[in-house]
């Protein structure tokens, strides 16, 4: 599972992560933040790499554990 140490998340990644915590799809997150779905995919990919998570579900669990 992902490590639970603080990681450097950009403000844009944090906004995406906040909506991901609610269970929103990439398309819905993109609409909410006025971004393209591809940009949201990019943010999710960066979050996966930064946290060491291997899936969107694991990223969600990591985010929930962070508070």
N, C-alpha and C. Protein backbone atom coordinates (compact mmCIF):
# COMPACT_ATOMS: atom_id res chain seq x y z
N UNK A 1 0.85 -1.19 0.00
CA UNK A 1 0.00 0.00 0.00
C UNK A 1 0.88 1.23 0.00
N UNK A 2 0.29 2.38 -0.25
CA UNK A 2 1.04 3.63 -0.35
C UNK A 2 1.62 4.02 1.00
N UNK A 3 2.72 4.75 0.93
CA UNK A 3 3.32 5.27 2.15
C UNK A 3 2.47 6.43 2.63
N UNK A 4 2.44 6.65 3.95
CA UNK A 4 1.60 7.70 4.51
C UNK A 4 2.42 8.85 5.04
N UNK A 5 3.42 9.26 4.29
CA UNK A 5 4.18 10.44 4.67
C UNK A 5 3.67 11.61 3.84
N UNK A 6 3.89 12.83 4.35
CA UNK A 6 3.43 13.99 3.57
C UNK A 6 4.10 14.03 2.20
N UNK A 7 3.31 14.31 1.19
CA UNK A 7 3.84 14.44 -0.17
C UNK A 7 3.51 15.83 -0.67
N UNK A 8 4.31 16.31 -1.60
CA UNK A 8 4.10 17.63 -2.18
C UNK A 8 3.02 17.56 -3.25
N UNK A 9 1.83 17.97 -2.88
CA UNK A 9 0.70 17.97 -3.81
C UNK A 9 0.40 19.42 -4.18
N UNK A 10 0.27 19.66 -5.47
CA UNK A 10 -0.02 21.01 -5.94
C UNK A 10 -1.46 21.39 -5.58
N UNK A 11 -1.77 22.68 -5.58
CA UNK A 11 -3.16 23.09 -5.31
C UNK A 11 -4.15 22.47 -6.30
N UNK A 12 -3.78 22.38 -7.56
CA UNK A 12 -4.66 21.77 -8.56
C UNK A 12 -4.89 20.29 -8.26
N UNK A 13 -3.82 19.59 -7.90
CA UNK A 13 -3.94 18.17 -7.54
C UNK A 13 -4.81 18.01 -6.30
N UNK A 14 -4.68 18.93 -5.36
CA UNK A 14 -5.49 18.86 -4.13
C UNK A 14 -6.97 19.02 -4.44
N UNK A 15 -7.30 19.94 -5.36
CA UNK A 15 -8.71 20.12 -5.75
C UNK A 15 -9.26 18.85 -6.38
N UNK A 16 -8.47 18.23 -7.25
CA UNK A 16 -8.88 16.98 -7.88
C UNK A 16 -9.05 15.90 -6.80
N UNK A 17 -8.11 15.82 -5.89
CA UNK A 17 -8.16 14.82 -4.83
C UNK A 17 -9.39 15.01 -3.94
N UNK A 18 -9.73 16.25 -3.65
CA UNK A 18 -10.92 16.53 -2.83
C UNK A 18 -12.18 16.00 -3.51
N UNK A 19 -12.28 16.19 -4.82
CA UNK A 19 -13.46 15.69 -5.54
C UNK A 19 -13.40 14.18 -5.71
N UNK A 20 -12.22 13.64 -5.83
CA UNK A 20 -12.05 12.19 -5.91
C UNK A 20 -12.53 11.54 -4.62
N UNK A 21 -12.29 12.18 -3.49
CA UNK A 21 -12.75 11.66 -2.19
C UNK A 21 -14.26 11.51 -2.16
N UNK A 22 -14.95 12.38 -2.90
CA UNK A 22 -16.42 12.31 -2.94
C UNK A 22 -16.91 11.22 -3.87
N UNK A 23 -15.98 10.61 -4.61
CA UNK A 23 -16.36 9.53 -5.52
C UNK A 23 -16.69 10.01 -6.91
N UNK A 24 -16.34 11.25 -7.23
CA UNK A 24 -16.65 11.80 -8.55
C UNK A 24 -15.80 11.14 -9.63
N UNK A 25 -16.36 11.03 -10.82
CA UNK A 25 -15.63 10.51 -11.97
C UNK A 25 -14.72 11.60 -12.53
N UNK A 26 -13.78 11.21 -13.37
CA UNK A 26 -12.90 12.20 -14.00
C UNK A 26 -13.71 13.21 -14.79
N UNK A 27 -14.72 12.74 -15.51
CA UNK A 27 -15.56 13.64 -16.31
C UNK A 27 -16.27 14.65 -15.41
N UNK A 28 -16.80 14.18 -14.29
CA UNK A 28 -17.51 15.09 -13.37
C UNK A 28 -16.53 16.06 -12.71
N UNK A 29 -15.37 15.58 -12.33
CA UNK A 29 -14.34 16.46 -11.75
C UNK A 29 -13.95 17.53 -12.76
N UNK A 30 -13.77 17.13 -14.02
CA UNK A 30 -13.40 18.08 -15.07
C UNK A 30 -14.47 19.16 -15.21
N UNK A 31 -15.72 18.77 -15.21
CA UNK A 31 -16.81 19.74 -15.34
C UNK A 31 -16.84 20.69 -14.15
N UNK A 32 -16.65 20.16 -12.96
CA UNK A 32 -16.68 20.98 -11.74
C UNK A 32 -15.55 22.01 -11.72
N UNK A 33 -14.37 21.60 -12.18
CA UNK A 33 -13.18 22.46 -12.12
C UNK A 33 -12.92 23.20 -13.44
N UNK A 34 -13.79 23.02 -14.40
CA UNK A 34 -13.66 23.63 -15.73
C UNK A 34 -12.30 23.27 -16.34
N UNK A 35 -12.05 21.97 -16.39
CA UNK A 35 -10.84 21.41 -16.98
C UNK A 35 -11.24 20.37 -18.01
N UNK A 36 -10.29 19.96 -18.82
CA UNK A 36 -10.58 18.85 -19.73
C UNK A 36 -10.44 17.54 -18.94
N UNK A 37 -11.15 16.50 -19.35
CA UNK A 37 -10.99 15.21 -18.68
C UNK A 37 -9.54 14.72 -18.75
N UNK A 38 -8.83 15.04 -19.82
CA UNK A 38 -7.42 14.64 -19.94
C UNK A 38 -6.56 15.31 -18.88
N UNK A 39 -6.85 16.56 -18.56
CA UNK A 39 -6.10 17.26 -17.51
C UNK A 39 -6.34 16.60 -16.16
N UNK A 40 -7.57 16.21 -15.91
CA UNK A 40 -7.89 15.51 -14.67
C UNK A 40 -7.14 14.18 -14.62
N UNK A 41 -7.13 13.45 -15.73
CA UNK A 41 -6.38 12.18 -15.80
C UNK A 41 -4.90 12.42 -15.47
N UNK A 42 -4.36 13.51 -15.97
CA UNK A 42 -2.96 13.84 -15.72
C UNK A 42 -2.73 14.09 -14.22
N UNK A 43 -3.63 14.85 -13.61
CA UNK A 43 -3.50 15.11 -12.17
C UNK A 43 -3.59 13.81 -11.36
N UNK A 44 -4.52 12.95 -11.74
CA UNK A 44 -4.67 11.66 -11.04
C UNK A 44 -3.40 10.83 -11.23
N UNK A 45 -2.84 10.82 -12.42
CA UNK A 45 -1.59 10.08 -12.67
C UNK A 45 -0.45 10.61 -11.81
N UNK A 46 -0.36 11.94 -11.71
CA UNK A 46 0.69 12.53 -10.87
C UNK A 46 0.48 12.17 -9.40
N UNK A 47 -0.77 12.19 -8.96
CA UNK A 47 -1.07 11.81 -7.57
C UNK A 47 -0.70 10.36 -7.31
N UNK A 48 -1.00 9.49 -8.26
CA UNK A 48 -0.64 8.07 -8.10
C UNK A 48 0.87 7.93 -7.96
N UNK A 49 1.62 8.62 -8.80
CA UNK A 49 3.08 8.54 -8.76
C UNK A 49 3.64 9.11 -7.46
N UNK A 50 3.10 10.24 -7.02
CA UNK A 50 3.61 10.89 -5.81
C UNK A 50 3.32 10.10 -4.55
N UNK A 51 2.20 9.41 -4.52
CA UNK A 51 1.81 8.69 -3.31
C UNK A 51 2.25 7.23 -3.32
N UNK A 52 2.64 6.74 -4.48
CA UNK A 52 3.03 5.34 -4.58
C UNK A 52 1.84 4.40 -4.71
N UNK A 53 0.66 4.96 -4.91
CA UNK A 53 -0.54 4.15 -5.09
C UNK A 53 -0.54 3.55 -6.49
N UNK A 54 -1.18 2.40 -6.61
CA UNK A 54 -1.22 1.70 -7.90
C UNK A 54 -2.57 1.79 -8.58
N UNK A 55 -3.57 2.29 -7.89
CA UNK A 55 -4.90 2.39 -8.48
C UNK A 55 -5.63 3.59 -7.90
N UNK A 56 -6.69 3.96 -8.59
CA UNK A 56 -7.53 5.06 -8.13
C UNK A 56 -8.15 4.72 -6.77
N UNK A 57 -8.55 3.47 -6.59
CA UNK A 57 -9.12 3.04 -5.31
C UNK A 57 -8.10 3.16 -4.19
N UNK A 58 -6.88 2.72 -4.46
CA UNK A 58 -5.83 2.83 -3.45
C UNK A 58 -5.54 4.29 -3.14
N UNK A 59 -5.57 5.15 -4.15
CA UNK A 59 -5.37 6.59 -3.95
C UNK A 59 -6.47 7.15 -3.07
N UNK A 60 -7.69 6.73 -3.29
CA UNK A 60 -8.81 7.19 -2.47
C UNK A 60 -8.60 6.76 -1.02
N UNK A 61 -8.22 5.52 -0.81
CA UNK A 61 -7.97 5.05 0.57
C UNK A 61 -6.84 5.84 1.21
N UNK A 62 -5.78 6.12 0.44
CA UNK A 62 -4.66 6.92 0.95
C UNK A 62 -5.16 8.31 1.35
N UNK A 63 -5.96 8.92 0.49
CA UNK A 63 -6.48 10.28 0.76
C UNK A 63 -7.34 10.29 2.01
N UNK A 64 -8.19 9.29 2.16
CA UNK A 64 -9.05 9.22 3.35
C UNK A 64 -8.22 9.04 4.62
N UNK A 65 -7.13 8.31 4.54
CA UNK A 65 -6.25 8.10 5.70
C UNK A 65 -5.51 9.38 6.08
N UNK A 66 -5.34 10.29 5.11
CA UNK A 66 -4.62 11.53 5.38
C UNK A 66 -5.48 12.54 6.12
N UNK A 67 -6.77 12.33 6.11
CA UNK A 67 -7.64 13.22 6.85
C UNK A 67 -8.49 14.04 6.03
